[in-house]
Protein backbone atom coordinates (compact mmCIF):
# COMPACT_ATOMS: atom_id res chain seq x y z
CA UNK A 1 -7.21 5.46 10.75
CA UNK A 2 -5.91 5.25 7.26
CA UNK A 3 -7.29 2.38 5.11
CA UNK A 4 -4.99 0.82 2.30
CA UNK A 5 -5.94 -0.52 -0.98
CA UNK A 6 -4.16 -3.81 -2.22
CA UNK A 7 -1.43 -3.50 -4.89
CA UNK A 8 -3.12 -5.62 -7.39
CA UNK A 9 -6.35 -3.66 -6.90
CA UNK A 10 -4.50 -0.21 -7.48
CA UNK A 11 -2.79 -1.77 -10.35
CA UNK A 12 -6.12 -3.24 -12.06
CA UNK A 13 -7.52 0.25 -11.57
CA UNK A 14 -4.82 1.93 -13.52
CA UNK A 15 -4.65 -1.02 -16.31
CA UNK A 16 -8.63 -0.05 -16.93
CA UNK A 17 -8.06 3.60 -17.04
CA UNK A 18 -5.04 2.93 -19.50
CA UNK A 19 -7.20 0.73 -21.73
CA UNK A 20 -10.13 2.94 -21.63
CA UNK A 21 -7.92 5.76 -22.69
CA UNK A 22 -6.37 3.65 -25.57
CA UNK A 23 -9.90 3.77 -27.26
CA UNK A 24 -10.22 7.52 -27.16
CA UNK A 25 -10.39 8.86 -30.62
CA UNK A 26 -8.10 12.13 -31.29
CA UNK A 27 -8.99 14.79 -33.91
CA UNK A 28 -5.55 16.34 -33.96
CA UNK A 29 -2.06 16.05 -33.27
CA UNK A 30 -1.98 17.94 -30.07
CA UNK A 31 -5.03 15.62 -28.69
CA UNK A 32 -2.86 12.35 -29.95
CA UNK A 33 0.08 14.13 -27.82
CA UNK A 34 -1.99 14.22 -24.78
CA UNK A 35 -3.33 10.79 -25.12
CA UNK A 36 0.31 9.64 -25.58
CA UNK A 37 1.62 11.45 -22.71
CA UNK A 38 -1.24 9.89 -20.64
CA UNK A 39 -0.64 6.50 -21.55
CA UNK A 40 3.06 7.07 -20.73
CA UNK A 41 2.23 8.38 -17.32
CA UNK A 42 0.04 5.24 -16.69
CA UNK A 43 3.04 2.93 -17.71
CA UNK A 44 5.27 4.83 -15.52
CA UNK A 45 2.88 4.50 -12.53
CA UNK A 46 2.33 0.85 -13.10
CA UNK A 47 6.01 0.36 -12.92
CA UNK A 48 6.37 2.29 -9.91
CA UNK A 49 3.50 0.11 -8.24
CA UNK A 50 5.26 -3.02 -9.31
CA UNK A 51 8.43 -2.14 -7.66
CA UNK A 52 6.78 -1.84 -4.34
CA UNK A 53 7.53 -4.86 -1.84
CA UNK A 54 4.78 -6.56 -0.23
CA UNK A 55 5.64 -8.25 2.78
CA UNK A 56 3.68 -10.80 4.63
CA UNK A 57 3.72 -10.47 8.51
CA UNK A 58 1.79 -12.53 10.82
CA UNK A 59 0.99 -9.85 13.42
CA UNK A 60 -1.12 -11.68 15.58
CA UNK A 61 1.62 -14.06 16.15
CA UNK A 62 4.14 -11.87 16.67
CA UNK A 63 1.98 -10.05 19.28
CA UNK A 64 1.47 -13.70 20.90
CA UNK A 65 4.98 -14.20 20.85
CA UNK A 66 5.93 -10.88 22.40
CA UNK A 67 3.35 -11.03 25.09
CA UNK A 68 3.83 -14.52 26.15
CA UNK A 69 7.80 -14.63 25.81
CA UNK A 70 9.42 -11.29 25.70
CA UNK A 71 7.17 -9.12 27.76
CA UNK A 72 8.73 -7.64 30.58
CA UNK A 73 7.42 -8.07 33.84
CA UNK A 74 6.18 -4.55 33.96
CA UNK A 75 3.60 -5.72 31.37
CA UNK A 76 2.14 -8.36 33.65
CA UNK A 77 -0.89 -6.20 34.47
CA UNK A 78 -1.45 -4.97 30.91
CA UNK A 79 -4.41 -6.72 29.07
CA UNK A 80 -3.34 -8.46 25.94
CA UNK A 81 -6.12 -6.58 23.81
CA UNK A 82 -4.33 -3.31 24.90
CA UNK A 83 -1.11 -4.48 23.55
CA UNK A 84 -2.59 -5.79 20.61
CA UNK A 85 -4.17 -2.43 19.62
CA UNK A 86 -1.00 -0.84 20.34
CA UNK A 87 1.17 -2.95 18.28
CA UNK A 88 -1.37 -2.87 15.23
CA UNK A 89 -1.53 1.03 15.50
CA UNK A 90 2.27 1.37 15.26
CA UNK A 91 2.56 -1.31 12.63
CA UNK A 92 0.31 0.40 10.30
CA UNK A 93 1.82 3.77 11.21
CA UNK A 94 5.20 2.62 10.09
CA UNK A 95 3.79 1.09 6.88
CA UNK A 96 2.38 4.37 6.27
CA UNK A 97 5.52 6.15 7.08
CA UNK A 98 7.75 3.78 4.82
CA UNK A 99 5.37 4.25 1.84
CA UNK A 100 5.68 7.81 2.19
CA UNK A 101 9.42 7.58 2.61
CA UNK A 102 9.61 5.43 -0.69
CA UNK A 103 7.87 8.11 -2.86
């Protein structure tokens, strides 16, 4: 299963790269252009990351609500743990697909 990195951790890592690259010395205009291009790229990526919306969802609460209130009678014999695994899988899959669609 895919693992996710937090938005703030990713932004921090890119900011660290940007700060490190800012300190690099250049020997000619070509290298200066490369450096400036990279710094612009870092800023663009940080801007894109900051546009991502983070949603807080209490998945456990939603699973409990569904299992105890909304689950149809056909699910009476299904274990709570099975519904929980199923819900988490499709929740994470939805996040992954949404992230890919936004790119």
